[in-house]
Amino acid sequence: MARRMRVEGRVYVEFVVGKDGQITDVKAVKGVGAGCDEEAVRIIQNSPPWNPGRQRGKSVKQRMVLPIIFKLAE
C-alpha cells in the first residue's frame, strides 16, 4: 500500500531486549502510516535474538528505540 501511495519516511520502533536477548514489548512510537508502521514492528518481532545489555558484567534488560527508514527505489 505504501508503494502505491508513494509513502517514504522513518518509523521509530521501541522494544525491550531481555536478559536472554529475546525481544519483547515491540511498538511503533512514531510512524508514517500506509502499512509501514506494521511492517517495521513485524521486522523487529521476527529478528533473531540480540546481544543483551551488560552492566557490571551482568546481562540486563534494555529498552531501545530504533529508526527504520522506508525509501522507494527510483
PDB file of N, CA and C in Angstrom:
ATOM      1  N   MET A   1       0.827  -1.180   0.000  1.00  0.00           N
ATOM      2  CA  MET A   1       0.000   0.000   0.000  1.00  0.00           C
ATOM      3  C   MET A   1       0.883   1.259   0.000  1.00  0.00           C
ATOM      4  N   ALA A   2       1.974   1.253   0.762  1.00  0.00           N
ATOM      5  CA  ALA A   2       2.862   2.416   0.826  1.00  0.00           C
ATOM      6  C   ALA A   2       3.491   2.685  -0.535  1.00  0.00           C
ATOM      7  N   ARG A   3       3.782   1.643  -1.263  1.00  0.00           N
ATOM      8  CA  ARG A   3       4.380   1.803  -2.587  1.00  0.00           C
ATOM      9  C   ARG A   3       3.401   2.473  -3.540  1.00  0.00           C
ATOM     10  N   ARG A   4       2.137   2.062  -3.486  1.00  0.00           N
ATOM     11  CA  ARG A   4       1.117   2.671  -4.354  1.00  0.00           C
ATOM     12  C   ARG A   4       0.909   4.139  -4.013  1.00  0.00           C
ATOM     13  N   MET A   5       0.948   4.463  -2.731  1.00  0.00           N
ATOM     14  CA  MET A   5       0.711   5.835  -2.286  1.00  0.00           C
ATOM     15  C   MET A   5       1.993   6.674  -2.301  1.00  0.00           C
ATOM     16  N   ARG A   6       3.127   6.037  -2.640  1.00  0.00           N
ATOM     17  CA  ARG A   6       4.432   6.701  -2.700  1.00  0.00           C
ATOM     18  C   ARG A   6       4.813   7.330  -1.352  1.00  0.00           C
ATOM     19  N   VAL A   7       4.652   6.537  -0.287  1.00  0.00           N
ATOM     20  CA  VAL A   7       4.958   6.996   1.071  1.00  0.00           C
ATOM     21  C   VAL A   7       6.377   6.572   1.435  1.00  0.00           C
ATOM     22  N   GLU A   8       7.168   7.514   1.928  1.00  0.00           N
ATOM     23  CA  GLU A   8       8.516   7.263   2.417  1.00  0.00           C
ATOM     24  C   GLU A   8       8.653   7.914   3.792  1.00  0.00           C
ATOM     25  N   GLY A   9       9.652   7.488   4.556  1.00  0.00           N
ATOM     26  CA  GLY A   9       9.912   8.129   5.840  1.00  0.00           C
ATOM     27  C   GLY A   9      10.516   7.187   6.860  1.00  0.00           C
ATOM     28  N   ARG A  10      10.629   7.675   8.086  1.00  0.00           N
ATOM     29  CA  ARG A  10      11.205   6.909   9.200  1.00  0.00           C
ATOM     30  C   ARG A  10      10.109   6.452  10.144  1.00  0.00           C
ATOM     31  N   VAL A  11      10.257   5.224  10.597  1.00  0.00           N
ATOM     32  CA  VAL A  11       9.377   4.680  11.627  1.00  0.00           C
ATOM     33  C   VAL A  11      10.265   4.381  12.830  1.00  0.00           C
ATOM     34  N   TYR A  12       9.925   4.936  13.976  1.00  0.00           N
ATOM     35  CA  TYR A  12      10.675   4.693  15.206  1.00  0.00           C
ATOM     36  C   TYR A  12       9.981   3.581  15.981  1.00  0.00           C
ATOM     37  N   VAL A  13      10.721   2.494  16.222  1.00  0.00           N
ATOM     38  CA  VAL A  13      10.180   1.314  16.897  1.00  0.00           C
ATOM     39  C   VAL A  13      10.855   1.180  18.252  1.00  0.00           C
ATOM     40  N   GLU A  14      10.039   1.065  19.301  1.00  0.00           N
ATOM     41  CA  GLU A  14      10.545   0.893  20.664  1.00  0.00           C
ATOM     42  C   GLU A  14      10.348  -0.560  21.071  1.00  0.00           C
ATOM     43  N   PHE A  15      11.364  -1.135  21.727  1.00  0.00           N
ATOM     44  CA  PHE A  15      11.272  -2.526  22.171  1.00  0.00           C
ATOM     45  C   PHE A  15      12.231  -2.749  23.324  1.00  0.00           C
ATOM     46  N   VAL A  16      12.077  -3.904  23.974  1.00  0.00           N
ATOM     47  CA  VAL A  16      12.925  -4.272  25.108  1.00  0.00           C
ATOM     48  C   VAL A  16      13.720  -5.517  24.734  1.00  0.00           C
ATOM     49  N   VAL A  17      15.040  -5.442  24.929  1.00  0.00           N
ATOM     50  CA  VAL A  17      15.911  -6.607  24.758  1.00  0.00           C
ATOM     51  C   VAL A  17      16.111  -7.188  26.146  1.00  0.00           C
ATOM     52  N   GLY A  18      15.621  -8.409  26.351  1.00  0.00           N
ATOM     53  CA  GLY A  18      15.695  -9.041  27.668  1.00  0.00           C
ATOM     54  C   GLY A  18      17.077  -9.539  28.018  1.00  0.00           C
ATOM     55  N   LYS A  19      17.213 -10.066  29.241  1.00  0.00           N
ATOM     56  CA  LYS A  19      18.489 -10.595  29.711  1.00  0.00           C
ATOM     57  C   LYS A  19      18.999 -11.736  28.840  1.00  0.00           C
ATOM     58  N   ASP A  20      18.063 -12.476  28.212  1.00  0.00           N
ATOM     59  CA  ASP A  20      18.441 -13.598  27.362  1.00  0.00           C
ATOM     60  C   ASP A  20      18.548 -13.207  25.886  1.00  0.00           C
ATOM     61  N   GLY A  21      18.324 -11.923  25.563  1.00  0.00           N
ATOM     62  CA  GLY A  21      18.433 -11.449  24.191  1.00  0.00           C
ATOM     63  C   GLY A  21      17.124 -11.466  23.411  1.00  0.00           C
ATOM     64  N   GLN A  22      16.057 -11.985  24.028  1.00  0.00           N
ATOM     65  CA  GLN A  22      14.756 -12.031  23.355  1.00  0.00           C
ATOM     66  C   GLN A  22      14.142 -10.635  23.301  1.00  0.00           C
ATOM     67  N   ILE A  23      13.414 -10.360  22.237  1.00  0.00           N
ATOM     68  CA  ILE A  23      12.800  -9.046  22.045  1.00  0.00           C
ATOM     69  C   ILE A  23      11.337  -9.103  22.456  1.00  0.00           C
ATOM     70  N   THR A  24      10.916  -8.129  23.291  1.00  0.00           N
ATOM     71  CA  THR A  24       9.530  -8.065  23.763  1.00  0.00           C
ATOM     72  C   THR A  24       9.042  -6.617  23.699  1.00  0.00           C
ATOM     73  N   ASP A  25       7.759  -6.427  23.945  1.00  0.00           N
ATOM     74  CA  ASP A  25       7.121  -5.107  24.033  1.00  0.00           C
ATOM     75  C   ASP A  25       7.426  -4.225  22.825  1.00  0.00           C
ATOM     76  N   VAL A  26       7.220  -4.768  21.630  1.00  0.00           N
ATOM     77  CA  VAL A  26       7.522  -4.032  20.397  1.00  0.00           C
ATOM     78  C   VAL A  26       6.337  -3.144  20.031  1.00  0.00           C
ATOM     79  N   LYS A  27       6.625  -1.850  19.777  1.00  0.00           N
ATOM     80  CA  LYS A  27       5.568  -0.937  19.331  1.00  0.00           C
ATOM     81  C   LYS A  27       6.191   0.202  18.532  1.00  0.00           C
ATOM     82  N   ALA A  28       5.428   0.702  17.576  1.00  0.00           N
ATOM     83  CA  ALA A  28       5.863   1.850  16.791  1.00  0.00           C
ATOM     84  C   ALA A  28       5.493   3.109  17.571  1.00  0.00           C
ATOM     85  N   VAL A  29       6.481   3.932  17.913  1.00  0.00           N
ATOM     86  CA  VAL A  29       6.208   5.134  18.691  1.00  0.00           C
ATOM     87  C   VAL A  29       5.982   6.346  17.798  1.00  0.00           C
ATOM     88  N   LYS A  30       6.531   6.327  16.598  1.00  0.00           N
ATOM     89  CA  LYS A  30       6.306   7.400  15.637  1.00  0.00           C
ATOM     90  C   LYS A  30       6.414   6.787  14.252  1.00  0.00           C
ATOM     91  N   GLY A  31       5.403   7.000  13.427  1.00  0.00           N
ATOM     92  CA  GLY A  31       5.408   6.342  12.137  1.00  0.00           C
ATOM     93  C   GLY A  31       4.939   7.221  11.007  1.00  0.00           C
ATOM     94  N   VAL A  32       4.840   6.591   9.829  1.00  0.00           N
ATOM     95  CA  VAL A  32       4.424   7.312   8.623  1.00  0.00           C
ATOM     96  C   VAL A  32       3.111   6.790   8.069  1.00  0.00           C
ATOM     97  N   GLY A  33       2.600   5.678   8.599  1.00  0.00           N
ATOM     98  CA  GLY A  33       1.333   5.131   8.131  1.00  0.00           C
ATOM     99  C   GLY A  33       1.486   4.308   6.868  1.00  0.00           C
ATOM    100  N   ALA A  34       0.381   4.037   6.203  1.00  0.00           N
ATOM    101  CA  ALA A  34       0.318   3.296   4.936  1.00  0.00           C
ATOM    102  C   ALA A  34       0.913   1.896   5.045  1.00  0.00           C
ATOM    103  N   GLY A  35       0.862   1.287   6.226  1.00  0.00           N
ATOM    104  CA  GLY A  35       1.364  -0.070   6.405  1.00  0.00           C
ATOM    105  C   GLY A  35       2.829  -0.142   6.802  1.00  0.00           C
ATOM    106  N   CYS A  36       3.548   0.966   6.758  1.00  0.00           N
ATOM    107  CA  CYS A  36       4.972   0.958   7.115  1.00  0.00           C
ATOM    108  C   CYS A  36       5.180   0.678   8.604  1.00  0.00           C
ATOM    109  N   ASP A  37       4.310   1.218   9.451  1.00  0.00           N
ATOM    110  CA  ASP A  37       4.439   1.011  10.897  1.00  0.00           C
ATOM    111  C   ASP A  37       4.322  -0.471  11.236  1.00  0.00           C
ATOM    112  N   GLU A  38       3.313  -1.126  10.674  1.00  0.00           N
ATOM    113  CA  GLU A  38       3.089  -2.548  10.944  1.00  0.00           C
ATOM    114  C   GLU A  38       4.247  -3.395  10.420  1.00  0.00           C
ATOM    115  N   GLU A  39       4.795  -3.043   9.272  1.00  0.00           N
ATOM    116  CA  GLU A  39       5.912  -3.795   8.704  1.00  0.00           C
ATOM    117  C   GLU A  39       7.164  -3.634   9.552  1.00  0.00           C
ATOM    118  N   ALA A  40       7.422  -2.447  10.070  1.00  0.00           N
ATOM    119  CA  ALA A  40       8.585  -2.221  10.928  1.00  0.00           C
ATOM    120  C   ALA A  40       8.473  -3.043  12.216  1.00  0.00           C
ATOM    121  N   VAL A  41       7.289  -3.075  12.810  1.00  0.00           N
ATOM    122  CA  VAL A  41       7.070  -3.871  14.018  1.00  0.00           C
ATOM    123  C   VAL A  41       7.262  -5.353  13.710  1.00  0.00           C
ATOM    124  N   ARG A  42       6.754  -5.816  12.573  1.00  0.00           N
ATOM    125  CA  ARG A  42       6.901  -7.218  12.178  1.00  0.00           C
ATOM    126  C   ARG A  42       8.376  -7.594  11.997  1.00  0.00           C
ATOM    127  N   ILE A  43       9.152  -6.692  11.395  1.00  0.00           N
ATOM    128  CA  ILE A  43      10.578  -6.959  11.175  1.00  0.00           C
ATOM    129  C   ILE A  43      11.303  -7.130  12.502  1.00  0.00           C
ATOM    130  N   ILE A  44      11.045  -6.259  13.467  1.00  0.00           N
ATOM    131  CA  ILE A  44      11.714  -6.348  14.768  1.00  0.00           C
ATOM    132  C   ILE A  44      11.273  -7.603  15.516  1.00  0.00           C
ATOM    133  N   GLN A  45       9.979  -7.923  15.483  1.00  0.00           N
ATOM    134  CA  GLN A  45       9.487  -9.111  16.196  1.00  0.00           C
ATOM    135  C   GLN A  45      10.084 -10.391  15.637  1.00  0.00           C
ATOM    136  N   ASN A  46      10.359 -10.446  14.343  1.00  0.00           N
ATOM    137  CA  ASN A  46      10.874 -11.662  13.714  1.00  0.00           C
ATOM    138  C   ASN A  46      12.397 -11.700  13.639  1.00  0.00           C
ATOM    139  N   SER A  47      13.081 -10.719  14.220  1.00  0.00           N
ATOM    140  CA  SER A  47      14.539 -10.719  14.173  1.00  0.00           C
ATOM    141  C   SER A  47      15.097 -11.771  15.140  1.00  0.00           C
ATOM    142  N   PRO A  48      16.294 -12.272  14.850  1.00  0.00           N
ATOM    143  CA  PRO A  48      16.901 -13.251  15.769  1.00  0.00           C
ATOM    144  C   PRO A  48      17.254 -12.584  17.100  1.00  0.00           C
ATOM    145  N   PRO A  49      17.552 -13.375  18.125  1.00  0.00           N
ATOM    146  CA  PRO A  49      17.896 -12.790  19.434  1.00  0.00           C
ATOM    147  C   PRO A  49      19.088 -11.835  19.333  1.00  0.00           C
ATOM    148  N   TRP A  50      19.031 -10.762  20.100  1.00  0.00           N
ATOM    149  CA  TRP A  50      20.091  -9.757  20.139  1.00  0.00           C
ATOM    150  C   TRP A  50      21.026 -10.053  21.299  1.00  0.00           C
ATOM    151  N   ASN A  51      22.166  -9.379  21.322  1.00  0.00           N
ATOM    152  CA  ASN A  51      23.052  -9.453  22.481  1.00  0.00           C
ATOM    153  C   ASN A  51      22.473  -8.537  23.556  1.00  0.00           C
ATOM    154  N   PRO A  52      22.256  -9.047  24.771  1.00  0.00           N
ATOM    155  CA  PRO A  52      21.669  -8.206  25.823  1.00  0.00           C
ATOM    156  C   PRO A  52      22.650  -7.146  26.301  1.00  0.00           C
ATOM    157  N   GLY A  53      22.096  -6.105  26.915  1.00  0.00           N
ATOM    158  CA  GLY A  53      22.935  -5.075  27.521  1.00  0.00           C
ATOM    159  C   GLY A  53      23.667  -5.651  28.724  1.00  0.00           C
ATOM    160  N   ARG A  54      24.806  -5.062  29.039  1.00  0.00           N
ATOM    161  CA  ARG A  54      25.587  -5.547  30.179  1.00  0.00           C
ATOM    162  C   ARG A  54      25.891  -4.378  31.105  1.00  0.00           C
ATOM    163  N   GLN A  55      25.785  -4.667  32.395  1.00  0.00           N
ATOM    164  CA  GLN A  55      26.109  -3.674  33.401  1.00  0.00           C
ATOM    165  C   GLN A  55      26.848  -4.380  34.522  1.00  0.00           C
ATOM    166  N   ARG A  56      28.053  -3.912  34.819  1.00  0.00           N
ATOM    167  CA  ARG A  56      28.917  -4.543  35.828  1.00  0.00           C
ATOM    168  C   ARG A  56      29.108  -6.034  35.572  1.00  0.00           C
ATOM    169  N   GLY A  57      29.204  -6.399  34.301  1.00  0.00           N
ATOM    170  CA  GLY A  57      29.470  -7.783  33.925  1.00  0.00           C
ATOM    171  C   GLY A  57      28.257  -8.689  33.878  1.00  0.00           C
ATOM    172  N   LYS A  58      27.062  -8.181  34.206  1.00  0.00           N
ATOM    173  CA  LYS A  58      25.845  -8.993  34.195  1.00  0.00           C
ATOM    174  C   LYS A  58      24.928  -8.537  33.069  1.00  0.00           C
ATOM    175  N   SER A  59      24.191  -9.473  32.509  1.00  0.00           N
ATOM    176  CA  SER A  59      23.212  -9.143  31.483  1.00  0.00           C
ATOM    177  C   SER A  59      22.016  -8.444  32.117  1.00  0.00           C
ATOM    178  N   VAL A  60      21.520  -7.390  31.452  1.00  0.00           N
ATOM    179  CA  VAL A  60      20.367  -6.643  31.952  1.00  0.00           C
ATOM    180  C   VAL A  60      19.394  -6.378  30.807  1.00  0.00           C
ATOM    181  N   LYS A  61      18.140  -6.111  31.181  1.00  0.00           N
ATOM    182  CA  LYS A  61      17.146  -5.707  30.190  1.00  0.00           C
ATOM    183  C   LYS A  61      17.471  -4.295  29.736  1.00  0.00           C
ATOM    184  N   GLN A  62      17.180  -4.021  28.457  1.00  0.00           N
ATOM    185  CA  GLN A  62      17.454  -2.697  27.933  1.00  0.00           C
ATOM    186  C   GLN A  62      16.352  -2.279  26.966  1.00  0.00           C
ATOM    187  N   ARG A  63      15.822  -1.085  27.158  1.00  0.00           N
ATOM    188  CA  ARG A  63      14.815  -0.532  26.247  1.00  0.00           C
ATOM    189  C   ARG A  63      15.544   0.215  25.139  1.00  0.00           C
ATOM    190  N   MET A  64      15.127  -0.019  23.900  1.00  0.00           N
ATOM    191  CA  MET A  64      15.773   0.615  22.755  1.00  0.00           C
ATOM    192  C   MET A  64      14.734   1.244  21.841  1.00  0.00           C
ATOM    193  N   VAL A  65      15.146   2.274  21.123  1.00  0.00           N
ATOM    194  CA  VAL A  65      14.336   2.877  20.075  1.00  0.00           C
ATOM    195  C   VAL A  65      15.186   2.843  18.814  1.00  0.00           C
ATOM    196  N   LEU A  66      14.664   2.198  17.773  1.00  0.00           N
ATOM    197  CA  LEU A  66      15.411   2.005  16.538  1.00  0.00           C
ATOM    198  C   LEU A  66      14.661   2.657  15.380  1.00  0.00           C
ATOM    199  N   PRO A  67      15.309   3.558  14.636  1.00  0.00           N
ATOM    200  CA  PRO A  67      14.647   4.121  13.465  1.00  0.00           C
ATOM    201  C   PRO A  67      14.810   3.191  12.271  1.00  0.00           C
ATOM    202  N   ILE A  68      13.727   2.951  11.561  1.00  0.00           N
ATOM    203  CA  ILE A  68      13.741   2.150  10.341  1.00  0.00           C
ATOM    204  C   ILE A  68      13.303   3.069   9.204  1.00  0.00           C
ATOM    205  N   ILE A  69      14.134   3.173   8.177  1.00  0.00           N
ATOM    206  CA  ILE A  69      13.875   4.099   7.076  1.00  0.00           C
ATOM    207  C   ILE A  69      13.268   3.353   5.901  1.00  0.00           C
ATOM    208  N   PHE A  70      12.144   3.868   5.427  1.00  0.00           N
ATOM    209  CA  PHE A  70      11.489   3.331   4.232  1.00  0.00           C
ATOM    210  C   PHE A  70      11.732   4.312   3.096  1.00  0.00           C
ATOM    211  N   LYS A  71      12.365   3.833   2.026  1.00  0.00           N
ATOM    212  CA  LYS A  71      12.676   4.683   0.884  1.00  0.00           C
ATOM    213  C   LYS A  71      12.346   3.910  -0.388  1.00  0.00           C
ATOM    214  N   LEU A  72      11.628   4.555  -1.293  1.00  0.00           N
ATOM    215  CA  LEU A  72      11.263   3.936  -2.555  1.00  0.00           C
ATOM    216  C   LEU A  72      12.434   3.979  -3.527  1.00  0.00           C
ATOM    217  N   ALA A  73      12.606   2.894  -4.268  1.00  0.00           N
ATOM    218  CA  ALA A  73      13.639   2.851  -5.299  1.00  0.00           C
ATOM    219  C   ALA A  73      13.160   3.651  -6.507  1.00  0.00           C
ATOM    220  N   GLU A  74      14.045   4.371  -7.101  1.00  0.00           N
ATOM    221  CA  GLU A  74      13.681   5.198  -8.265  1.00  0.00           C
ATOM    222  C   GLU A  74      13.619   4.366  -9.510  1.00  0.00           C
TER     223      GLU A  74
END
